[in-house]
Amino acid sequence: MPRQARLDIAGALHHLMLRGINKSSIFEDDQDRSQFLSRLEKNVTSADARVYAWVLMTNHVHILFKSGKQGISEVMRRQLTWYAQYYNYRHKRSGHLFENRYKSVLCDEDNYLLALIRYIHLNPIRAGIVKTIEELDRYPWCGHSAVIGKRECPWIDTDYVLTQFGDTRRKARNEYRRFVVEGIGMGRQPELTGGGLVRSKGGWSQVVSARRSGRKEEYDERILGGGDFVNAILKEAEEKTLCQLKLRRAGKTLSKIIEQECDRSQISPRELKGGSRRRDVSSLRIKIARRGLEELGLSLAEIARHVGVSTSGIARAVKR
């Protein structure tokens, strides 16, 4: 069955999971982990995104991520491409580092935010990497230590997390820590790692009960949330897709945009596609790229092919 398109809605809460290919390690030592986090901080900050929880395990990563205007795809593309190149160079290897596609589940923030934060931050205890909450308090490769104030991690939005637990920082940290401790005995919670009806309902017993009573509810494997939330997300995604299709059918193709913008700027399409680095030509590329992204929903790679630069080049230009 063909995989479904990723739901990349700006401002949504995403549970991101990425794994090493064939479950192989993606971190060999603390230097690898530090490099991964340093690059993640840059990418999150530049995208005006928010991170509420994260953990680095030996062969996989969890990130609870609220996307900015760019969504998640561009941020993760930059992160994973850079890290794979860094890792392969440092460890003298070649080939793919990650599984073909990272997993992204769009989550109902009102109902799942706190449960996901706790689930993600308890990964080291469930895996036996640390044994106690006191060890987790000091563990550097998990966002928990930043939330309780044991280490600095400016790119994780600890303020937002703590506001869910109390009015003062001290009270909020105590309540948050108590909440995490209460989750230690819960074990692995598969309902928090994916979408679908069974997961959003909390298990098969709840699904069977709903069916017996004749209640029907919308669900989607890409979404963790109840029927109303699923309907709202799919409607928003559909409206965005329909808008882009209408623009394309109306003849608003990238070639048309290039023609319009070249006429306005009095720069020939030939110079635009010829790799010129003149400032006004570079500015024109950025303008065309933004219109292609926002109006047509095109990928940076597709835009780059039409304006005569590499995908990384157009990505840097748009970022600036």
C-alpha atoms as a PDB file:
ATOM      1  CA  MET A   1       0.000   0.000   0.000  1.00  0.00           C
ATOM      2  CA  PRO A   2       1.447   3.434  -0.923  1.00  0.00           C
ATOM      3  CA  ARG A   3       2.400   5.461   2.097  1.00  0.00           C
ATOM      4  CA  GLN A   4       0.300   8.512   2.841  1.00  0.00           C
ATOM      5  CA  ALA A   5       1.573  12.042   2.400  1.00  0.00           C
ATOM      6  CA  ARG A   6       3.020  13.575   5.540  1.00  0.00           C
ATOM      7  CA  LEU A   7       0.734  15.971   7.409  1.00  0.00           C
ATOM      8  CA  ASP A   8       2.973  19.012   7.683  1.00  0.00           C
ATOM      9  CA  ILE A   9       0.718  21.680   9.157  1.00  0.00           C
ATOM     10  CA  ALA A  10       2.410  24.782  10.574  1.00  0.00           C
ATOM     11  CA  GLY A  11       1.842  25.298  14.296  1.00  0.00           C
ATOM     12  CA  ALA A  12       0.886  21.671  14.937  1.00  0.00           C
ATOM     13  CA  LEU A  13       2.349  19.389  17.604  1.00  0.00           C
ATOM     14  CA  HIS A  14       4.363  16.516  16.133  1.00  0.00           C
ATOM     15  CA  HIS A  15       5.881  13.457  17.779  1.00  0.00           C
ATOM     16  CA  LEU A  16       8.948  12.832  15.616  1.00  0.00           C
ATOM     17  CA  MET A  17      10.752   9.492  15.722  1.00  0.00           C
ATOM     18  CA  LEU A  18      13.841   8.598  13.700  1.00  0.00           C
ATOM     19  CA  ARG A  19      15.837   5.366  13.762  1.00  0.00           C
ATOM     20  CA  GLY A  20      19.093   4.006  12.450  1.00  0.00           C
ATOM     21  CA  ILE A  21      18.815   1.824   9.375  1.00  0.00           C
ATOM     22  CA  ASN A  22      18.316  -1.837  10.347  1.00  0.00           C
ATOM     23  CA  LYS A  23      18.179  -0.625  13.969  1.00  0.00           C
ATOM     24  CA  SER A  24      21.886   0.215  13.868  1.00  0.00           C
ATOM     25  CA  SER A  25      23.505   2.823  16.128  1.00  0.00           C
ATOM     26  CA  ILE A  26      23.362   6.472  15.127  1.00  0.00           C
ATOM     27  CA  PHE A  27      25.483   7.726  18.048  1.00  0.00           C
ATOM     28  CA  GLU A  28      28.862   6.208  18.900  1.00  0.00           C
ATOM     29  CA  ASP A  29      29.859   8.580  21.684  1.00  0.00           C
ATOM     30  CA  ASP A  30      29.096  11.883  23.413  1.00  0.00           C
ATOM     31  CA  GLN A  31      30.720  13.883  20.629  1.00  0.00           C
ATOM     32  CA  ASP A  32      28.160  12.535  18.168  1.00  0.00           C
ATOM     33  CA  ARG A  33      25.332  13.396  20.546  1.00  0.00           C
ATOM     34  CA  SER A  34      26.671  16.907  21.146  1.00  0.00           C
ATOM     35  CA  GLN A  35      26.989  17.560  17.418  1.00  0.00           C
ATOM     36  CA  PHE A  36      23.454  16.341  16.767  1.00  0.00           C
ATOM     37  CA  LEU A  37      22.026  18.631  19.478  1.00  0.00           C
ATOM     38  CA  SER A  38      24.093  21.620  18.388  1.00  0.00           C
ATOM     39  CA  ARG A  39      22.748  21.355  14.851  1.00  0.00           C
ATOM     40  CA  LEU A  40      19.211  20.732  16.118  1.00  0.00           C
ATOM     41  CA  GLU A  41      19.365  23.941  18.151  1.00  0.00           C
ATOM     42  CA  LYS A  42      20.326  25.928  15.028  1.00  0.00           C
ATOM     43  CA  ASN A  43      17.604  24.372  12.899  1.00  0.00           C
ATOM     44  CA  VAL A  44      14.870  24.737  15.513  1.00  0.00           C
ATOM     45  CA  THR A  45      15.790  28.346  16.259  1.00  0.00           C
ATOM     46  CA  SER A  46      15.990  29.396  12.606  1.00  0.00           C
ATOM     47  CA  ALA A  47      12.598  27.799  11.893  1.00  0.00           C
ATOM     48  CA  ASP A  48      10.930  29.552  14.856  1.00  0.00           C
ATOM     49  CA  ALA A  49       9.823  26.135  16.104  1.00  0.00           C
ATOM     50  CA  ARG A  50       9.356  24.854  19.656  1.00  0.00           C
ATOM     51  CA  VAL A  51      10.622  21.678  21.302  1.00  0.00           C
ATOM     52  CA  TYR A  52       8.911  20.439  24.474  1.00  0.00           C
ATOM     53  CA  ALA A  53      10.650  17.080  24.973  1.00  0.00           C
ATOM     54  CA  TRP A  54      13.491  15.095  23.423  1.00  0.00           C
ATOM     55  CA  VAL A  55      15.733  12.108  24.061  1.00  0.00           C
ATOM     56  CA  LEU A  56      18.723  10.620  22.248  1.00  0.00           C
ATOM     57  CA  MET A  57      18.934   6.833  22.477  1.00  0.00           C
ATOM     58  CA  THR A  58      21.632   4.638  20.936  1.00  0.00           C
ATOM     59  CA  ASN A  59      19.778   3.881  17.715  1.00  0.00           C
ATOM     60  CA  HIS A  60      16.798   6.226  17.753  1.00  0.00           C
ATOM     61  CA  VAL A  61      15.582   9.701  18.703  1.00  0.00           C
ATOM     62  CA  HIS A  62      12.277  11.115  19.956  1.00  0.00           C
ATOM     63  CA  ILE A  63      11.405  14.819  19.620  1.00  0.00           C
ATOM     64  CA  LEU A  64       8.141  16.510  20.618  1.00  0.00           C
ATOM     65  CA  PHE A  65       8.080  19.400  18.187  1.00  0.00           C
ATOM     66  CA  LYS A  66       5.687  22.261  17.484  1.00  0.00           C
ATOM     67  CA  SER A  67       6.410  23.481  13.986  1.00  0.00           C
ATOM     68  CA  GLY A  68       6.801  27.075  12.882  1.00  0.00           C
ATOM     69  CA  LYS A  69       5.750  28.531   9.539  1.00  0.00           C
ATOM     70  CA  GLN A  70       8.121  26.223   7.668  1.00  0.00           C
ATOM     71  CA  GLY A  71       6.481  23.081   9.015  1.00  0.00           C
ATOM     72  CA  ILE A  72       8.604  20.054   9.886  1.00  0.00           C
ATOM     73  CA  SER A  73       9.855  18.699   6.559  1.00  0.00           C
ATOM     74  CA  GLU A  74      12.483  21.332   5.816  1.00  0.00           C
ATOM     75  CA  VAL A  75      13.781  21.386   9.394  1.00  0.00           C
ATOM     76  CA  MET A  76      14.193  17.605   9.480  1.00  0.00           C
ATOM     77  CA  ARG A  77      15.697  17.459   5.997  1.00  0.00           C
ATOM     78  CA  ARG A  78      18.428  19.898   7.045  1.00  0.00           C
ATOM     79  CA  GLN A  79      18.991  18.096  10.338  1.00  0.00           C
ATOM     80  CA  LEU A  80      19.222  14.557   9.027  1.00  0.00           C
ATOM     81  CA  THR A  81      21.169  15.367   5.855  1.00  0.00           C
ATOM     82  CA  TRP A  82      23.814  17.272   7.794  1.00  0.00           C
ATOM     83  CA  TYR A  83      24.123  14.702  10.564  1.00  0.00           C
ATOM     84  CA  ALA A  84      24.387  11.731   8.179  1.00  0.00           C
ATOM     85  CA  GLN A  85      27.211  13.476   6.301  1.00  0.00           C
ATOM     86  CA  TYR A  86      28.965  14.342   9.552  1.00  0.00           C
ATOM     87  CA  TYR A  87      28.590  10.808  10.963  1.00  0.00           C
ATOM     88  CA  ASN A  88      29.756   9.061   7.792  1.00  0.00           C
ATOM     89  CA  TYR A  89      32.799  11.311   7.490  1.00  0.00           C
ATOM     90  CA  ARG A  90      33.816  10.976  11.145  1.00  0.00           C
ATOM     91  CA  HIS A  91      33.336   7.215  11.312  1.00  0.00           C
ATOM     92  CA  LYS A  92      34.654   6.501   7.812  1.00  0.00           C
ATOM     93  CA  ARG A  93      31.509   4.856   6.525  1.00  0.00           C
ATOM     94  CA  SER A  94      29.184   5.345   3.546  1.00  0.00           C
ATOM     95  CA  GLY A  95      25.555   4.747   2.705  1.00  0.00           C
ATOM     96  CA  HIS A  96      22.318   5.500   4.515  1.00  0.00           C
ATOM     97  CA  LEU A  97      22.389   6.164   8.241  1.00  0.00           C
ATOM     98  CA  PHE A  98      18.657   6.539   8.941  1.00  0.00           C
ATOM     99  CA  GLU A  99      15.634   4.551   7.913  1.00  0.00           C
ATOM    100  CA  ASN A 100      14.178   5.829   4.660  1.00  0.00           C
ATOM    101  CA  ARG A 101      11.641   8.084   6.308  1.00  0.00           C
ATOM    102  CA  TYR A 102      11.392   9.441   9.813  1.00  0.00           C
ATOM    103  CA  LYS A 103       8.049   8.939  11.519  1.00  0.00           C
ATOM    104  CA  SER A 104       5.856  11.921  12.323  1.00  0.00           C
ATOM    105  CA  VAL A 105       2.578  11.687  14.228  1.00  0.00           C
ATOM    106  CA  LEU A 106       0.501  14.849  14.481  1.00  0.00           C
ATOM    107  CA  CYS A 107      -0.892  15.018  18.042  1.00  0.00           C
ATOM    108  CA  ASP A 108      -3.837  16.591  19.824  1.00  0.00           C
ATOM    109  CA  GLU A 109      -1.979  18.956  22.158  1.00  0.00           C
ATOM    110  CA  ASP A 110      -4.856  19.430  24.598  1.00  0.00           C
ATOM    111  CA  ASN A 111      -5.111  15.707  25.357  1.00  0.00           C
ATOM    112  CA  TYR A 112      -1.632  14.321  24.759  1.00  0.00           C
ATOM    113  CA  LEU A 113       1.006  17.016  25.445  1.00  0.00           C
ATOM    114  CA  LEU A 114       1.836  16.043  29.035  1.00  0.00           C
ATOM    115  CA  ALA A 115       1.623  12.298  28.451  1.00  0.00           C
ATOM    116  CA  LEU A 116       4.020  12.578  25.500  1.00  0.00           C
ATOM    117  CA  ILE A 117       6.510  14.718  27.441  1.00  0.00           C
ATOM    118  CA  ARG A 118       6.587  12.128  30.228  1.00  0.00           C
ATOM    119  CA  TYR A 119       6.762   9.174  27.846  1.00  0.00           C
ATOM    120  CA  ILE A 120       9.669  10.656  25.880  1.00  0.00           C
ATOM    121  CA  HIS A 121      11.661  11.723  28.938  1.00  0.00           C
ATOM    122  CA  LEU A 122      11.294   8.295  30.595  1.00  0.00           C
ATOM    123  CA  ASN A 123      12.942   6.460  27.683  1.00  0.00           C
ATOM    124  CA  PRO A 124      16.353   6.180  29.457  1.00  0.00           C
ATOM    125  CA  ILE A 125      14.755   4.553  32.519  1.00  0.00           C
ATOM    126  CA  ARG A 126      12.673   2.105  30.442  1.00  0.00           C
ATOM    127  CA  ALA A 127      15.833   1.143  28.525  1.00  0.00           C
ATOM    128  CA  GLY A 128      17.865   0.675  31.726  1.00  0.00           C
ATOM    129  CA  ILE A 129      20.378   3.386  30.787  1.00  0.00           C
ATOM    130  CA  VAL A 130      19.630   5.096  34.099  1.00  0.00           C
ATOM    131  CA  LYS A 131      18.051   3.359  37.076  1.00  0.00           C
ATOM    132  CA  THR A 132      16.418   6.098  39.152  1.00  0.00           C
ATOM    133  CA  ILE A 133      14.728   9.473  38.811  1.00  0.00           C
ATOM    134  CA  GLU A 134      17.768  11.037  40.518  1.00  0.00           C
ATOM    135  CA  GLU A 135      20.015   9.711  37.760  1.00  0.00           C
ATOM    136  CA  LEU A 136      17.547  10.927  35.135  1.00  0.00           C
ATOM    137  CA  ASP A 137      17.651  14.394  36.735  1.00  0.00           C
ATOM    138  CA  ARG A 138      21.329  14.621  35.777  1.00  0.00           C
ATOM    139  CA  TYR A 139      21.235  12.668  32.508  1.00  0.00           C
ATOM    140  CA  PRO A 140      22.501  14.993  29.733  1.00  0.00           C
ATOM    141  CA  TRP A 141      20.942  13.338  26.670  1.00  0.00           C
ATOM    142  CA  CYS A 142      17.302  13.925  27.564  1.00  0.00           C
ATOM    143  CA  GLY A 143      15.230  17.102  27.954  1.00  0.00           C
ATOM    144  CA  HIS A 144      14.111  16.168  31.482  1.00  0.00           C
ATOM    145  CA  SER A 145      17.220  17.638  33.118  1.00  0.00           C
ATOM    146  CA  ALA A 146      16.553  20.990  31.423  1.00  0.00           C
ATOM    147  CA  VAL A 147      12.921  21.120  32.542  1.00  0.00           C
ATOM    148  CA  ILE A 148      13.858  20.658  36.211  1.00  0.00           C
ATOM    149  CA  GLY A 149      16.680  23.203  35.921  1.00  0.00           C
ATOM    150  CA  LYS A 150      19.728  20.909  36.241  1.00  0.00           C
ATOM    151  CA  ARG A 151      21.252  21.992  32.930  1.00  0.00           C
ATOM    152  CA  GLU A 152      20.914  24.706  30.300  1.00  0.00           C
ATOM    153  CA  CYS A 153      19.113  23.892  27.066  1.00  0.00           C
ATOM    154  CA  PRO A 154      17.768  27.209  25.684  1.00  0.00           C
ATOM    155  CA  TRP A 155      16.092  25.712  22.607  1.00  0.00           C
ATOM    156  CA  ILE A 156      13.676  23.557  24.623  1.00  0.00           C
ATOM    157  CA  ASP A 157      10.645  25.591  25.709  1.00  0.00           C
ATOM    158  CA  THR A 158      10.810  24.732  29.402  1.00  0.00           C
ATOM    159  CA  ASP A 159       8.692  27.754  30.325  1.00  0.00           C
ATOM    160  CA  TYR A 160       5.719  26.443  28.356  1.00  0.00           C
ATOM    161  CA  VAL A 161       6.120  22.969  29.831  1.00  0.00           C
ATOM    162  CA  LEU A 162       6.290  24.313  33.387  1.00  0.00           C
ATOM    163  CA  THR A 163       3.206  26.520  32.955  1.00  0.00           C
ATOM    164  CA  GLN A 164       1.222  23.274  32.659  1.00  0.00           C
ATOM    165  CA  PHE A 165       2.157  22.367  36.248  1.00  0.00           C
ATOM    166  CA  GLY A 166       2.110  25.497  38.392  1.00  0.00           C
ATOM    167  CA  ASP A 167       2.200  29.283  38.740  1.00  0.00           C
ATOM    168  CA  THR A 168       5.703  29.494  40.222  1.00  0.00           C
ATOM    169  CA  ARG A 169       8.813  27.885  38.791  1.00  0.00           C
ATOM    170  CA  ARG A 170       9.635  25.994  41.988  1.00  0.00           C
ATOM    171  CA  LYS A 171       6.132  24.587  42.380  1.00  0.00           C
ATOM    172  CA  ALA A 172       5.895  23.723  38.690  1.00  0.00           C
ATOM    173  CA  ARG A 173       9.196  21.823  38.709  1.00  0.00           C
ATOM    174  CA  ASN A 174       8.155  19.828  41.777  1.00  0.00           C
ATOM    175  CA  GLU A 175       4.786  18.950  40.231  1.00  0.00           C
ATOM    176  CA  TYR A 176       6.363  18.081  36.885  1.00  0.00           C
ATOM    177  CA  ARG A 177       8.913  15.797  38.566  1.00  0.00           C
ATOM    178  CA  ARG A 178       6.153  14.106  40.590  1.00  0.00           C
ATOM    179  CA  PHE A 179       4.195  13.572  37.375  1.00  0.00           C
ATOM    180  CA  VAL A 180       7.226  11.931  35.726  1.00  0.00           C
ATOM    181  CA  VAL A 181       7.821   9.659  38.729  1.00  0.00           C
ATOM    182  CA  GLU A 182       4.194   8.501  38.539  1.00  0.00           C
ATOM    183  CA  GLY A 183       4.830   7.317  34.990  1.00  0.00           C
ATOM    184  CA  ILE A 184       7.827   5.096  35.774  1.00  0.00           C
ATOM    185  CA  GLY A 185       5.661   2.059  36.450  1.00  0.00           C
ATOM    186  CA  MET A 186       3.572   2.466  33.316  1.00  0.00           C
ATOM    187  CA  GLY A 187       6.154   0.810  31.098  1.00  0.00           C
ATOM    188  CA  ARG A 188       6.109   1.135  27.332  1.00  0.00           C
ATOM    189  CA  GLN A 189       2.977   2.860  26.042  1.00  0.00           C
ATOM    190  CA  PRO A 190       2.583   2.003  22.340  1.00  0.00           C
ATOM    191  CA  GLU A 191      -0.521   4.184  22.079  1.00  0.00           C
ATOM    192  CA  LEU A 192       1.771   7.230  22.346  1.00  0.00           C
ATOM    193  CA  THR A 193       4.031   6.331  19.426  1.00  0.00           C
ATOM    194  CA  GLY A 194       1.512   6.429  16.593  1.00  0.00           C
ATOM    195  CA  GLY A 195      -1.909   7.451  15.356  1.00  0.00           C
ATOM    196  CA  GLY A 196      -5.034   5.545  14.458  1.00  0.00           C
ATOM    197  CA  LEU A 197      -8.290   4.605  16.116  1.00  0.00           C
ATOM    198  CA  VAL A 198      -6.898   2.032  18.549  1.00  0.00           C
ATOM    199  CA  ARG A 199      -4.229   4.392  19.785  1.00  0.00           C
ATOM    200  CA  SER A 200      -6.417   7.471  20.130  1.00  0.00           C
ATOM    201  CA  LYS A 201      -9.121   5.471  21.914  1.00  0.00           C
ATOM    202  CA  GLY A 202      -6.593   3.949  24.325  1.00  0.00           C
ATOM    203  CA  GLY A 203      -6.815   0.314  23.237  1.00  0.00           C
ATOM    204  CA  TRP A 204      -8.986  -2.317  21.577  1.00  0.00           C
ATOM    205  CA  SER A 205     -11.372  -2.567  24.528  1.00  0.00           C
ATOM    206  CA  GLN A 206     -12.385   1.063  24.029  1.00  0.00           C
ATOM    207  CA  VAL A 207     -12.782   0.536  20.273  1.00  0.00           C
ATOM    208  CA  VAL A 208     -14.984  -2.540  20.812  1.00  0.00           C
ATOM    209  CA  SER A 209     -17.086  -0.681  23.378  1.00  0.00           C
ATOM    210  CA  ALA A 210     -17.602   2.208  20.951  1.00  0.00           C
ATOM    211  CA  ARG A 211     -18.607  -0.166  18.153  1.00  0.00           C
ATOM    212  CA  ARG A 212     -21.103  -2.007  20.347  1.00  0.00           C
ATOM    213  CA  SER A 213     -22.781   1.262  21.212  1.00  0.00           C
ATOM    214  CA  GLY A 214     -22.918   2.224  17.542  1.00  0.00           C
ATOM    215  CA  ARG A 215     -20.521   5.161  17.855  1.00  0.00           C
ATOM    216  CA  LYS A 216     -18.365   5.840  14.810  1.00  0.00           C
ATOM    217  CA  GLU A 217     -15.262   7.970  14.888  1.00  0.00           C
ATOM    218  CA  GLU A 218     -12.868   9.246  12.253  1.00  0.00           C
ATOM    219  CA  TYR A 219      -9.238   8.148  12.538  1.00  0.00           C
ATOM    220  CA  ASP A 220      -5.977   8.373  10.619  1.00  0.00           C
ATOM    221  CA  GLU A 221      -2.676   6.561  11.218  1.00  0.00           C
ATOM    222  CA  ARG A 222      -0.827   9.887  10.945  1.00  0.00           C
ATOM    223  CA  ILE A 223      -2.818  11.529  13.750  1.00  0.00           C
ATOM    224  CA  LEU A 224      -2.998  10.899  17.501  1.00  0.00           C
ATOM    225  CA  GLY A 225      -6.321  12.322  18.647  1.00  0.00           C
ATOM    226  CA  GLY A 226     -10.077  11.826  18.800  1.00  0.00           C
ATOM    227  CA  GLY A 227     -12.507  11.947  15.914  1.00  0.00           C
ATOM    228  CA  ASP A 228     -13.220  15.682  16.067  1.00  0.00           C
ATOM    229  CA  PHE A 229      -9.494  16.477  16.097  1.00  0.00           C
ATOM    230  CA  VAL A 230      -8.855  14.106  13.183  1.00  0.00           C
ATOM    231  CA  ASN A 231     -11.671  15.711  11.183  1.00  0.00           C
ATOM    232  CA  ALA A 232     -10.340  19.222  11.824  1.00  0.00           C
ATOM    233  CA  ILE A 233      -6.773  18.321  10.808  1.00  0.00           C
ATOM    234  CA  LEU A 234      -7.792  16.471   7.661  1.00  0.00           C
ATOM    235  CA  LYS A 235     -10.085  19.334   6.672  1.00  0.00           C
ATOM    236  CA  GLU A 236      -7.263  21.850   7.071  1.00  0.00           C
ATOM    237  CA  ALA A 237      -4.870  19.651   5.095  1.00  0.00           C
ATOM    238  CA  GLU A 238      -7.475  19.126   2.376  1.00  0.00           C
ATOM    239  CA  GLU A 239      -8.198  22.841   2.092  1.00  0.00           C
ATOM    240  CA  LYS A 240      -4.483  23.593   1.727  1.00  0.00           C
ATOM    241  CA  THR A 241      -4.092  20.916  -0.951  1.00  0.00           C
ATOM    242  CA  LEU A 242      -7.205  22.045  -2.843  1.00  0.00           C
ATOM    243  CA  CYS A 243      -6.007  25.651  -2.800  1.00  0.00           C
ATOM    244  CA  GLN A 244      -2.675  24.610  -4.305  1.00  0.00           C
ATOM    245  CA  LEU A 245      -4.400  22.462  -6.946  1.00  0.00           C
ATOM    246  CA  LYS A 246      -6.707  25.312  -7.932  1.00  0.00           C
ATOM    247  CA  LEU A 247      -3.741  27.642  -8.363  1.00  0.00           C
ATOM    248  CA  ARG A 248      -1.968  25.101 -10.547  1.00  0.00           C
ATOM    249  CA  ARG A 249      -5.070  24.465 -12.646  1.00  0.00           C
ATOM    250  CA  ALA A 250      -5.481  28.190 -13.102  1.00  0.00           C
ATOM    251  CA  GLY A 251      -2.096  28.224 -14.804  1.00  0.00           C
ATOM    252  CA  LYS A 252      -0.153  29.627 -11.865  1.00  0.00           C
ATOM    253  CA  THR A 253       2.808  27.328 -12.470  1.00  0.00           C
ATOM    254  CA  LEU A 254       6.351  28.033 -11.345  1.00  0.00           C
ATOM    255  CA  SER A 255       7.297  28.936 -14.915  1.00  0.00           C
ATOM    256  CA  LYS A 256       4.540  31.564 -14.894  1.00  0.00           C
ATOM    257  CA  ILE A 257       5.773  32.940 -11.565  1.00  0.00           C
ATOM    258  CA  ILE A 258       9.331  33.139 -12.923  1.00  0.00           C
ATOM    259  CA  GLU A 259       8.077  34.992 -16.002  1.00  0.00           C
ATOM    260  CA  GLN A 260       6.094  37.469 -13.875  1.00  0.00           C
ATOM    261  CA  GLU A 261       8.911  38.182 -11.436  1.00  0.00           C
ATOM    262  CA  CYS A 262      11.566  38.496 -14.173  1.00  0.00           C
ATOM    263  CA  ASP A 263       9.392  41.047 -15.980  1.00  0.00           C
ATOM    264  CA  ARG A 264       8.913  43.063 -12.798  1.00  0.00           C
ATOM    265  CA  SER A 265      12.616  42.969 -11.918  1.00  0.00           C
ATOM    266  CA  GLN A 266      13.790  43.441 -15.503  1.00  0.00           C
ATOM    267  CA  ILE A 267      16.102  40.437 -15.164  1.00  0.00           C
ATOM    268  CA  SER A 268      16.120  37.864 -17.937  1.00  0.00           C
ATOM    269  CA  PRO A 269      15.195  34.247 -17.175  1.00  0.00           C
ATOM    270  CA  ARG A 270      18.479  33.282 -18.792  1.00  0.00           C
ATOM    271  CA  GLU A 271      20.486  35.260 -16.234  1.00  0.00           C
ATOM    272  CA  LEU A 272      18.305  33.938 -13.411  1.00  0.00           C
ATOM    273  CA  LYS A 273      18.979  30.321 -14.394  1.00  0.00           C
ATOM    274  CA  GLY A 274      22.619  30.932 -15.278  1.00  0.00           C
ATOM    275  CA  GLY A 275      23.860  30.949 -11.707  1.00  0.00           C
ATOM    276  CA  SER A 276      24.481  34.707 -11.459  1.00  0.00           C
ATOM    277  CA  ARG A 277      25.365  35.847  -7.928  1.00  0.00           C
ATOM    278  CA  ARG A 278      24.386  39.480  -8.377  1.00  0.00           C
ATOM    279  CA  ARG A 279      22.469  40.676  -5.334  1.00  0.00           C
ATOM    280  CA  ASP A 280      19.310  41.584  -7.252  1.00  0.00           C
ATOM    281  CA  VAL A 281      19.342  38.190  -8.997  1.00  0.00           C
ATOM    282  CA  SER A 282      19.744  36.394  -5.671  1.00  0.00           C
ATOM    283  CA  SER A 283      16.872  38.441  -4.229  1.00  0.00           C
ATOM    284  CA  LEU A 284      14.733  37.489  -7.189  1.00  0.00           C
ATOM    285  CA  ARG A 285      15.440  33.795  -6.599  1.00  0.00           C
ATOM    286  CA  ILE A 286      14.318  34.143  -2.990  1.00  0.00           C
ATOM    287  CA  LYS A 287      11.092  35.845  -4.047  1.00  0.00           C
ATOM    288  CA  ILE A 288      10.352  33.135  -6.600  1.00  0.00           C
ATOM    289  CA  ALA A 289      11.189  30.390  -4.101  1.00  0.00           C
ATOM    290  CA  ARG A 290       8.852  31.821  -1.480  1.00  0.00           C
ATOM    291  CA  ARG A 291       5.994  32.041  -3.967  1.00  0.00           C
ATOM    292  CA  GLY A 292       6.664  28.491  -5.104  1.00  0.00           C
ATOM    293  CA  LEU A 293       6.602  27.259  -1.519  1.00  0.00           C
ATOM    294  CA  GLU A 294       3.601  29.217  -0.312  1.00  0.00           C
ATOM    295  CA  GLU A 295       1.385  29.324  -3.402  1.00  0.00           C
ATOM    296  CA  LEU A 296       2.147  26.019  -5.098  1.00  0.00           C
ATOM    297  CA  GLY A 297       3.442  23.859  -2.244  1.00  0.00           C
ATOM    298  CA  LEU A 298       6.502  22.842  -4.287  1.00  0.00           C
ATOM    299  CA  SER A 299       9.615  21.273  -2.797  1.00  0.00           C
ATOM    300  CA  LEU A 300      12.880  23.219  -2.619  1.00  0.00           C
ATOM    301  CA  ALA A 301      14.449  20.663  -4.960  1.00  0.00           C
ATOM    302  CA  GLU A 302      11.815  21.332  -7.616  1.00  0.00           C
ATOM    303  CA  ILE A 303      12.214  25.092  -7.252  1.00  0.00           C
ATOM    304  CA  ALA A 304      16.010  24.834  -7.393  1.00  0.00           C
ATOM    305  CA  ARG A 305      15.860  23.058 -10.756  1.00  0.00           C
ATOM    306  CA  HIS A 306      13.953  25.993 -12.240  1.00  0.00           C
ATOM    307  CA  VAL A 307      16.111  28.832 -10.896  1.00  0.00           C
ATOM    308  CA  GLY A 308      19.564  27.481 -11.642  1.00  0.00           C
ATOM    309  CA  VAL A 309      20.989  26.753  -8.183  1.00  0.00           C
ATOM    310  CA  SER A 310      21.375  23.735  -5.920  1.00  0.00           C
ATOM    311  CA  THR A 311      18.733  22.668  -3.416  1.00  0.00           C
ATOM    312  CA  SER A 312      21.044  23.575  -0.521  1.00  0.00           C
ATOM    313  CA  GLY A 313      21.720  26.954  -2.120  1.00  0.00           C
ATOM    314  CA  ILE A 314      18.052  27.864  -2.413  1.00  0.00           C
ATOM    315  CA  ALA A 315      17.438  26.552   1.130  1.00  0.00           C
ATOM    316  CA  ARG A 316      20.135  28.861   2.522  1.00  0.00           C
ATOM    317  CA  ALA A 317      18.779  31.790   0.538  1.00  0.00           C
ATOM    318  CA  VAL A 318      15.225  31.290   1.807  1.00  0.00           C
ATOM    319  CA  LYS A 319      16.498  30.866   5.368  1.00  0.00           C
ATOM    320  CA  ARG A 320      18.366  34.192   5.185  1.00  0.00           C
END
